PDB file of N, CA and C in Angstrom:
ATOM      1  N   MET A   1     -14.101  -3.688  -1.757  1.00  0.00           N
ATOM      2  CA  MET A   1     -13.860  -2.298  -2.035  1.00  0.00           C
ATOM      3  C   MET A   1     -12.462  -2.140  -2.615  1.00  0.00           C
ATOM      4  N   ARG A   2     -12.354  -1.375  -3.670  1.00  0.00           N
ATOM      5  CA  ARG A   2     -11.046  -1.123  -4.277  1.00  0.00           C
ATOM      6  C   ARG A   2     -10.373   0.040  -3.581  1.00  0.00           C
ATOM      7  N   ALA A   3      -9.075  -0.128  -3.385  1.00  0.00           N
ATOM      8  CA  ALA A   3      -8.286   0.895  -2.724  1.00  0.00           C
ATOM      9  C   ALA A   3      -6.901   0.933  -3.349  1.00  0.00           C
ATOM     10  N   VAL A   4      -6.158   1.987  -3.020  1.00  0.00           N
ATOM     11  CA  VAL A   4      -4.811   2.169  -3.536  1.00  0.00           C
ATOM     12  C   VAL A   4      -3.848   2.235  -2.352  1.00  0.00           C
ATOM     13  N   VAL A   5      -2.784   1.438  -2.431  1.00  0.00           N
ATOM     14  CA  VAL A   5      -1.715   1.478  -1.443  1.00  0.00           C
ATOM     15  C   VAL A   5      -0.510   2.127  -2.111  1.00  0.00           C
ATOM     16  N   THR A   6       0.047   3.159  -1.489  1.00  0.00           N
ATOM     17  CA  THR A   6       1.269   3.775  -1.989  1.00  0.00           C
ATOM     18  C   THR A   6       2.374   3.546  -0.965  1.00  0.00           C
ATOM     19  N   VAL A   7       3.556   3.249  -1.472  1.00  0.00           N
ATOM     20  CA  VAL A   7       4.722   2.983  -0.629  1.00  0.00           C
ATOM     21  C   VAL A   7       5.880   3.797  -1.188  1.00  0.00           C
ATOM     22  N   THR A   8       6.496   4.637  -0.354  1.00  0.00           N
ATOM     23  CA  THR A   8       7.630   5.436  -0.794  1.00  0.00           C
ATOM     24  C   THR A   8       8.697   5.479   0.290  1.00  0.00           C
ATOM     25  N   GLY A   9       9.931   5.650  -0.134  1.00  0.00           N
ATOM     26  CA  GLY A   9      11.038   5.774   0.803  1.00  0.00           C
ATOM     27  C   GLY A   9      12.333   5.293   0.183  1.00  0.00           C
ATOM     28  N   SER A  10      13.378   5.243   0.991  1.00  0.00           N
ATOM     29  CA  SER A  10      14.679   4.774   0.522  1.00  0.00           C
ATOM     30  C   SER A  10      14.611   3.286   0.211  1.00  0.00           C
ATOM     31  N   ASP A  11      15.220   2.913  -0.918  1.00  0.00           N
ATOM     32  CA  ASP A  11      15.182   1.524  -1.349  1.00  0.00           C
ATOM     33  C   ASP A  11      15.976   0.633  -0.402  1.00  0.00           C
ATOM     34  N   ARG A  12      15.436  -0.564  -0.173  1.00  0.00           N
ATOM     35  CA  ARG A  12      16.119  -1.600   0.603  1.00  0.00           C
ATOM     36  C   ARG A  12      15.505  -2.933   0.248  1.00  0.00           C
ATOM     37  N   LYS A  13      16.152  -4.003   0.600  1.00  0.00           N
ATOM     38  CA  LYS A  13      15.640  -5.341   0.308  1.00  0.00           C
ATOM     39  C   LYS A  13      14.369  -5.625   1.110  1.00  0.00           C
ATOM     40  N   GLY A  14      13.443  -6.356   0.478  1.00  0.00           N
ATOM     41  CA  GLY A  14      12.294  -6.893   1.193  1.00  0.00           C
ATOM     42  C   GLY A  14      11.060  -6.025   1.284  1.00  0.00           C
ATOM     43  N   ILE A  15      11.059  -4.863   0.652  1.00  0.00           N
ATOM     44  CA  ILE A  15       9.893  -3.971   0.772  1.00  0.00           C
ATOM     45  C   ILE A  15       8.642  -4.626   0.193  1.00  0.00           C
ATOM     46  N   ILE A  16       8.740  -5.121  -1.027  1.00  0.00           N
ATOM     47  CA  ILE A  16       7.570  -5.722  -1.673  1.00  0.00           C
ATOM     48  C   ILE A  16       7.103  -6.933  -0.879  1.00  0.00           C
ATOM     49  N   ALA A  17       8.038  -7.754  -0.424  1.00  0.00           N
ATOM     50  CA  ALA A  17       7.683  -8.941   0.357  1.00  0.00           C
ATOM     51  C   ALA A  17       6.974  -8.550   1.658  1.00  0.00           C
ATOM     52  N   LYS A  18       7.466  -7.543   2.335  1.00  0.00           N
ATOM     53  CA  LYS A  18       6.884  -7.125   3.604  1.00  0.00           C
ATOM     54  C   LYS A  18       5.465  -6.591   3.407  1.00  0.00           C
ATOM     55  N   VAL A  19       5.279  -5.711   2.426  1.00  0.00           N
ATOM     56  CA  VAL A  19       3.970  -5.107   2.196  1.00  0.00           C
ATOM     57  C   VAL A  19       2.976  -6.153   1.683  1.00  0.00           C
ATOM     58  N   SER A  20       3.388  -6.955   0.703  1.00  0.00           N
ATOM     59  CA  SER A  20       2.458  -7.954   0.158  1.00  0.00           C
ATOM     60  C   SER A  20       2.114  -9.017   1.205  1.00  0.00           C
ATOM     61  N   GLY A  21       3.069  -9.408   2.035  1.00  0.00           N
ATOM     62  CA  GLY A  21       2.787 -10.357   3.110  1.00  0.00           C
ATOM     63  C   GLY A  21       1.812  -9.791   4.125  1.00  0.00           C
ATOM     64  N   PHE A  22       1.990  -8.528   4.460  1.00  0.00           N
ATOM     65  CA  PHE A  22       1.089  -7.840   5.374  1.00  0.00           C
ATOM     66  C   PHE A  22      -0.341  -7.855   4.832  1.00  0.00           C
ATOM     67  N   LEU A  23      -0.487  -7.531   3.547  1.00  0.00           N
ATOM     68  CA  LEU A  23      -1.811  -7.507   2.934  1.00  0.00           C
ATOM     69  C   LEU A  23      -2.411  -8.911   2.875  1.00  0.00           C
ATOM     70  N   PHE A  24      -1.609  -9.909   2.520  1.00  0.00           N
ATOM     71  CA  PHE A  24      -2.067 -11.298   2.464  1.00  0.00           C
ATOM     72  C   PHE A  24      -2.619 -11.747   3.814  1.00  0.00           C
ATOM     73  N   GLU A  25      -1.899 -11.430   4.886  1.00  0.00           N
ATOM     74  CA  GLU A  25      -2.321 -11.829   6.226  1.00  0.00           C
ATOM     75  C   GLU A  25      -3.656 -11.202   6.629  1.00  0.00           C
ATOM     76  N   ARG A  26      -4.053 -10.139   5.969  1.00  0.00           N
ATOM     77  CA  ARG A  26      -5.298  -9.441   6.277  1.00  0.00           C
ATOM     78  C   ARG A  26      -6.359  -9.644   5.199  1.00  0.00           C
ATOM     79  N   ASP A  27      -6.165 -10.663   4.360  1.00  0.00           N
ATOM     80  CA  ASP A  27      -7.121 -11.021   3.307  1.00  0.00           C
ATOM     81  C   ASP A  27      -7.388  -9.898   2.322  1.00  0.00           C
ATOM     82  N   VAL A  28      -6.349  -9.135   2.009  1.00  0.00           N
ATOM     83  CA  VAL A  28      -6.444  -8.079   1.003  1.00  0.00           C
ATOM     84  C   VAL A  28      -5.798  -8.614  -0.268  1.00  0.00           C
ATOM     85  N   ASN A  29      -6.536  -8.545  -1.376  1.00  0.00           N
ATOM     86  CA  ASN A  29      -6.045  -9.057  -2.655  1.00  0.00           C
ATOM     87  C   ASN A  29      -5.368  -7.942  -3.452  1.00  0.00           C
ATOM     88  N   ILE A  30      -4.161  -8.211  -3.934  1.00  0.00           N
ATOM     89  CA  ILE A  30      -3.456  -7.265  -4.795  1.00  0.00           C
ATOM     90  C   ILE A  30      -3.903  -7.531  -6.229  1.00  0.00           C
ATOM     91  N   GLU A  31      -4.520  -6.525  -6.854  1.00  0.00           N
ATOM     92  CA  GLU A  31      -5.028  -6.669  -8.221  1.00  0.00           C
ATOM     93  C   GLU A  31      -4.035  -6.179  -9.269  1.00  0.00           C
ATOM     94  N   ASP A  32      -3.252  -5.178  -8.916  1.00  0.00           N
ATOM     95  CA  ASP A  32      -2.277  -4.628  -9.855  1.00  0.00           C
ATOM     96  C   ASP A  32      -1.182  -3.966  -9.041  1.00  0.00           C
ATOM     97  N   ILE A  33       0.019  -3.942  -9.601  1.00  0.00           N
ATOM     98  CA  ILE A  33       1.157  -3.362  -8.884  1.00  0.00           C
ATOM     99  C   ILE A  33       2.112  -2.721  -9.873  1.00  0.00           C
ATOM    100  N   SER A  34       2.645  -1.578  -9.496  1.00  0.00           N
ATOM    101  CA  SER A  34       3.672  -0.907 -10.275  1.00  0.00           C
ATOM    102  C   SER A  34       4.702  -0.381  -9.285  1.00  0.00           C
ATOM    103  N   GLN A  35       5.967  -0.630  -9.593  1.00  0.00           N
ATOM    104  CA  GLN A  35       7.011  -0.126  -8.709  1.00  0.00           C
ATOM    105  C   GLN A  35       8.197   0.334  -9.534  1.00  0.00           C
ATOM    106  N   THR A  36       8.921   1.284  -8.973  1.00  0.00           N
ATOM    107  CA  THR A  36      10.102   1.793  -9.644  1.00  0.00           C
ATOM    108  C   THR A  36      11.113   2.241  -8.611  1.00  0.00           C
ATOM    109  N   ILE A  37      12.350   2.331  -9.041  1.00  0.00           N
ATOM    110  CA  ILE A  37      13.412   2.850  -8.200  1.00  0.00           C
ATOM    111  C   ILE A  37      14.065   3.994  -8.964  1.00  0.00           C
ATOM    112  N   LEU A  38      14.105   5.156  -8.339  1.00  0.00           N
ATOM    113  CA  LEU A  38      14.728   6.338  -8.936  1.00  0.00           C
ATOM    114  C   LEU A  38      15.908   6.718  -8.050  1.00  0.00           C
ATOM    115  N   GLY A  39      17.101   6.438  -8.531  1.00  0.00           N
ATOM    116  CA  GLY A  39      18.275   6.636  -7.680  1.00  0.00           C
ATOM    117  C   GLY A  39      18.203   5.649  -6.529  1.00  0.00           C
ATOM    118  N   ASP A  40      18.120   6.177  -5.309  1.00  0.00           N
ATOM    119  CA  ASP A  40      17.967   5.286  -4.161  1.00  0.00           C
ATOM    120  C   ASP A  40      16.558   5.350  -3.571  1.00  0.00           C
ATOM    121  N   GLN A  41      15.633   5.958  -4.305  1.00  0.00           N
ATOM    122  CA  GLN A  41      14.255   6.093  -3.822  1.00  0.00           C
ATOM    123  C   GLN A  41      13.347   5.041  -4.453  1.00  0.00           C
ATOM    124  N   PHE A  42      12.547   4.405  -3.615  1.00  0.00           N
ATOM    125  CA  PHE A  42      11.621   3.362  -4.034  1.00  0.00           C
ATOM    126  C   PHE A  42      10.213   3.942  -4.039  1.00  0.00           C
ATOM    127  N   ALA A  43       9.432   3.615  -5.063  1.00  0.00           N
ATOM    128  CA  ALA A  43       8.028   4.035  -5.125  1.00  0.00           C
ATOM    129  C   ALA A  43       7.202   2.881  -5.672  1.00  0.00           C
ATOM    130  N   MET A  44       6.082   2.606  -5.015  1.00  0.00           N
ATOM    131  CA  MET A  44       5.199   1.524  -5.454  1.00  0.00           C
ATOM    132  C   MET A  44       3.748   1.957  -5.275  1.00  0.00           C
ATOM    133  N   ILE A  45       2.936   1.589  -6.246  1.00  0.00           N
ATOM    134  CA  ILE A  45       1.492   1.797  -6.166  1.00  0.00           C
ATOM    135  C   ILE A  45       0.833   0.445  -6.393  1.00  0.00           C
ATOM    136  N   MET A  46      -0.092   0.088  -5.511  1.00  0.00           N
ATOM    137  CA  MET A  46      -0.826  -1.172  -5.638  1.00  0.00           C
ATOM    138  C   MET A  46      -2.316  -0.877  -5.674  1.00  0.00           C
ATOM    139  N   MET A  47      -3.015  -1.495  -6.613  1.00  0.00           N
ATOM    140  CA  MET A  47      -4.476  -1.479  -6.598  1.00  0.00           C
ATOM    141  C   MET A  47      -4.877  -2.739  -5.846  1.00  0.00           C
ATOM    142  N   VAL A  48      -5.678  -2.581  -4.798  1.00  0.00           N
ATOM    143  CA  VAL A  48      -6.044  -3.728  -3.962  1.00  0.00           C
ATOM    144  C   VAL A  48      -7.561  -3.810  -3.787  1.00  0.00           C
ATOM    145  N   ASP A  49      -8.005  -5.001  -3.415  1.00  0.00           N
ATOM    146  CA  ASP A  49      -9.416  -5.242  -3.091  1.00  0.00           C
ATOM    147  C   ASP A  49      -9.473  -5.614  -1.610  1.00  0.00           C
ATOM    148  N   THR A  50     -10.143  -4.791  -0.813  1.00  0.00           N
ATOM    149  CA  THR A  50     -10.221  -5.005   0.634  1.00  0.00           C
ATOM    150  C   THR A  50     -11.531  -5.667   1.059  1.00  0.00           C
ATOM    151  N   SER A  51     -12.357  -6.080   0.105  1.00  0.00           N
ATOM    152  CA  SER A  51     -13.708  -6.550   0.432  1.00  0.00           C
ATOM    153  C   SER A  51     -13.730  -7.815   1.293  1.00  0.00           C
ATOM    154  N   GLU A  52     -12.685  -8.639   1.258  1.00  0.00           N
ATOM    155  CA  GLU A  52     -12.679  -9.858   2.062  1.00  0.00           C
ATOM    156  C   GLU A  52     -11.925  -9.708   3.377  1.00  0.00           C
ATOM    157  N   SER A  53     -11.352  -8.531   3.609  1.00  0.00           N
ATOM    158  CA  SER A  53     -10.607  -8.306   4.843  1.00  0.00           C
ATOM    159  C   SER A  53     -11.559  -8.195   6.026  1.00  0.00           C
ATOM    160  N   LYS A  54     -11.163  -8.769   7.132  1.00  0.00           N
ATOM    161  CA  LYS A  54     -11.956  -8.683   8.354  1.00  0.00           C
ATOM    162  C   LYS A  54     -11.691  -7.380   9.104  1.00  0.00           C
ATOM    163  N   LYS A  55     -10.692  -6.634   8.657  1.00  0.00           N
ATOM    164  CA  LYS A  55     -10.363  -5.334   9.252  1.00  0.00           C
ATOM    165  C   LYS A  55     -11.189  -4.253   8.565  1.00  0.00           C
ATOM    166  N   ASP A  56     -11.659  -3.279   9.342  1.00  0.00           N
ATOM    167  CA  ASP A  56     -12.321  -2.163   8.684  1.00  0.00           C
ATOM    168  C   ASP A  56     -11.253  -1.263   8.052  1.00  0.00           C
ATOM    169  N   PHE A  57     -11.687  -0.393   7.169  1.00  0.00           N
ATOM    170  CA  PHE A  57     -10.764   0.407   6.368  1.00  0.00           C
ATOM    171  C   PHE A  57      -9.842   1.255   7.239  1.00  0.00           C
ATOM    172  N   ALA A  58     -10.387   1.890   8.265  1.00  0.00           N
ATOM    173  CA  ALA A  58      -9.587   2.764   9.136  1.00  0.00           C
ATOM    174  C   ALA A  58      -8.506   1.971   9.864  1.00  0.00           C
ATOM    175  N   ALA A  59      -8.859   0.791  10.377  1.00  0.00           N
ATOM    176  CA  ALA A  59      -7.882  -0.036  11.083  1.00  0.00           C
ATOM    177  C   ALA A  59      -6.799  -0.520  10.126  1.00  0.00           C
ATOM    178  N   LEU A  60      -7.199  -0.928   8.950  1.00  0.00           N
ATOM    179  CA  LEU A  60      -6.248  -1.399   7.951  1.00  0.00           C
ATOM    180  C   LEU A  60      -5.279  -0.278   7.571  1.00  0.00           C
ATOM    181  N   SER A  61      -5.804   0.909   7.365  1.00  0.00           N
ATOM    182  CA  SER A  61      -4.983   2.058   7.013  1.00  0.00           C
ATOM    183  C   SER A  61      -3.977   2.369   8.118  1.00  0.00           C
ATOM    184  N   SER A  62      -4.443   2.371   9.351  1.00  0.00           N
ATOM    185  CA  SER A  62      -3.579   2.659  10.496  1.00  0.00           C
ATOM    186  C   SER A  62      -2.480   1.607  10.643  1.00  0.00           C
ATOM    187  N   GLU A  63      -2.837   0.347  10.498  1.00  0.00           N
ATOM    188  CA  GLU A  63      -1.854  -0.731  10.619  1.00  0.00           C
ATOM    189  C   GLU A  63      -0.819  -0.663   9.499  1.00  0.00           C
ATOM    190  N   LEU A  64      -1.250  -0.308   8.298  1.00  0.00           N
ATOM    191  CA  LEU A  64      -0.310  -0.158   7.182  1.00  0.00           C
ATOM    192  C   LEU A  64       0.683   0.966   7.462  1.00  0.00           C
ATOM    193  N   GLU A  65       0.201   2.089   7.986  1.00  0.00           N
ATOM    194  CA  GLU A  65       1.096   3.199   8.309  1.00  0.00           C
ATOM    195  C   GLU A  65       2.103   2.791   9.375  1.00  0.00           C
ATOM    196  N   GLU A  66       1.644   2.065  10.406  1.00  0.00           N
ATOM    197  CA  GLU A  66       2.536   1.603  11.471  1.00  0.00           C
ATOM    198  C   GLU A  66       3.586   0.638  10.923  1.00  0.00           C
ATOM    199  N   MET A  67       3.162  -0.312  10.089  1.00  0.00           N
ATOM    200  CA  MET A  67       4.091  -1.255   9.496  1.00  0.00           C
ATOM    201  C   MET A  67       5.122  -0.515   8.649  1.00  0.00           C
ATOM    202  N   GLY A  68       4.660   0.462   7.884  1.00  0.00           N
ATOM    203  CA  GLY A  68       5.566   1.254   7.056  1.00  0.00           C
ATOM    204  C   GLY A  68       6.616   1.970   7.894  1.00  0.00           C
ATOM    205  N   ALA A  69       6.198   2.553   8.989  1.00  0.00           N
ATOM    206  CA  ALA A  69       7.146   3.244   9.874  1.00  0.00           C
ATOM    207  C   ALA A  69       8.203   2.276  10.401  1.00  0.00           C
ATOM    208  N   LYS A  70       7.798   1.060  10.704  1.00  0.00           N
ATOM    209  CA  LYS A  70       8.745   0.057  11.219  1.00  0.00           C
ATOM    210  C   LYS A  70       9.805  -0.317  10.196  1.00  0.00           C
ATOM    211  N   ILE A  71       9.450  -0.259   8.902  1.00  0.00           N
ATOM    212  CA  ILE A  71      10.434  -0.608   7.872  1.00  0.00           C
ATOM    213  C   ILE A  71      11.028   0.643   7.208  1.00  0.00           C
ATOM    214  N   GLY A  72      10.751   1.808   7.765  1.00  0.00           N
ATOM    215  CA  GLY A  72      11.331   3.048   7.265  1.00  0.00           C
ATOM    216  C   GLY A  72      10.716   3.563   5.980  1.00  0.00           C
ATOM    217  N   MET A  73       9.449   3.217   5.737  1.00  0.00           N
ATOM    218  CA  MET A  73       8.766   3.640   4.518  1.00  0.00           C
ATOM    219  C   MET A  73       7.498   4.414   4.878  1.00  0.00           C
ATOM    220  N   THR A  74       7.026   5.220   3.947  1.00  0.00           N
ATOM    221  CA  THR A  74       5.720   5.856   4.084  1.00  0.00           C
ATOM    222  C   THR A  74       4.731   4.994   3.312  1.00  0.00           C
ATOM    223  N   VAL A  75       3.727   4.460   4.018  1.00  0.00           N
ATOM    224  CA  VAL A  75       2.732   3.589   3.399  1.00  0.00           C
ATOM    225  C   VAL A  75       1.357   4.183   3.663  1.00  0.00           C
ATOM    226  N   ARG A  76       0.592   4.391   2.596  1.00  0.00           N
ATOM    227  CA  ARG A  76      -0.746   4.976   2.731  1.00  0.00           C
ATOM    228  C   ARG A  76      -1.769   4.119   2.002  1.00  0.00           C
ATOM    229  N   LEU A  77      -2.976   4.083   2.557  1.00  0.00           N
ATOM    230  CA  LEU A  77      -4.116   3.396   1.950  1.00  0.00           C
ATOM    231  C   LEU A  77      -5.197   4.434   1.689  1.00  0.00           C
ATOM    232  N   GLN A  78      -5.699   4.477   0.460  1.00  0.00           N
ATOM    233  CA  GLN A  78      -6.764   5.414   0.107  1.00  0.00           C
ATOM    234  C   GLN A  78      -7.836   4.686  -0.682  1.00  0.00           C
ATOM    235  N   HIS A  79      -9.085   5.107  -0.512  1.00  0.00           N
ATOM    236  CA  HIS A  79     -10.157   4.588  -1.361  1.00  0.00           C
ATOM    237  C   HIS A  79      -9.797   4.915  -2.810  1.00  0.00           C
ATOM    238  N   ALA A  80     -10.029   4.001  -3.706  1.00  0.00           N
ATOM    239  CA  ALA A  80      -9.669   4.198  -5.112  1.00  0.00           C
ATOM    240  C   ALA A  80     -10.346   5.431  -5.702  1.00  0.00           C
ATOM    241  N   ASP A  81     -11.601   5.682  -5.359  1.00  0.00           N
ATOM    242  CA  ASP A  81     -12.315   6.839  -5.878  1.00  0.00           C
ATOM    243  C   ASP A  81     -11.655   8.154  -5.464  1.00  0.00           C
ATOM    244  N   ILE A  82     -11.209   8.219  -4.213  1.00  0.00           N
ATOM    245  CA  ILE A  82     -10.549   9.433  -3.713  1.00  0.00           C
ATOM    246  C   ILE A  82      -9.198   9.609  -4.395  1.00  0.00           C
ATOM    247  N   PHE A  83      -8.458   8.512  -4.515  1.00  0.00           N
ATOM    248  CA  PHE A  83      -7.158   8.567  -5.192  1.00  0.00           C
ATOM    249  C   PHE A  83      -7.339   9.054  -6.622  1.00  0.00           C
ATOM    250  N   ASP A  84      -8.312   8.504  -7.348  1.00  0.00           N
ATOM    251  CA  ASP A  84      -8.562   8.915  -8.724  1.00  0.00           C
ATOM    252  C   ASP A  84      -8.923  10.391  -8.811  1.00  0.00           C
ATOM    253  N   ALA A  85      -9.778  10.848  -7.911  1.00  0.00           N
ATOM    254  CA  ALA A  85     -10.204  12.251  -7.927  1.00  0.00           C
ATOM    255  C   ALA A  85      -9.019  13.180  -7.676  1.00  0.00           C
ATOM    256  N   MET A  86      -8.123  12.796  -6.797  1.00  0.00           N
ATOM    257  CA  MET A  86      -6.959  13.625  -6.469  1.00  0.00           C
ATOM    258  C   MET A  86      -5.951  13.681  -7.618  1.00  0.00           C
ATOM    259  N   HIS A  87      -5.890  12.622  -8.421  1.00  0.00           N
ATOM    260  CA  HIS A  87      -4.859  12.548  -9.444  1.00  0.00           C
ATOM    261  C   HIS A  87      -5.382  12.732 -10.862  1.00  0.00           C
ATOM    262  N   ASN A  88      -6.651  13.105 -11.012  1.00  0.00           N
ATOM    263  CA  ASN A  88      -7.227  13.379 -12.322  1.00  0.00           C
ATOM    264  C   ASN A  88      -7.769  14.790 -12.379  1.00  0.00           C
ATOM    265  N   VAL A  89      -6.890  15.732 -12.182  1.00  0.00           N
ATOM    266  CA  VAL A  89      -7.287  17.138 -12.173  1.00  0.00           C
ATOM    267  C   VAL A  89      -7.207  17.687 -13.585  1.00  0.00           C
TER     268      VAL A  89
END
């Protein structure tokens, strides 16, 4: 299943490594990634494939949010279809 991971917050070292490592450990494949820094704010969007993950979508989403809170970032997981519908108005 394709999904979108968004990561936002104050820039600091190791954000990409932490998020990508987290996804790797849960058998989530990163298909595409875009990130930028605006001033001191970091923003990243990842297109991922969760089909091989042993975690269900709700658990994966919850764990991503918890991990994000630990590193001081807002991290969200959304189904790609929902993300597209929300951003193609």
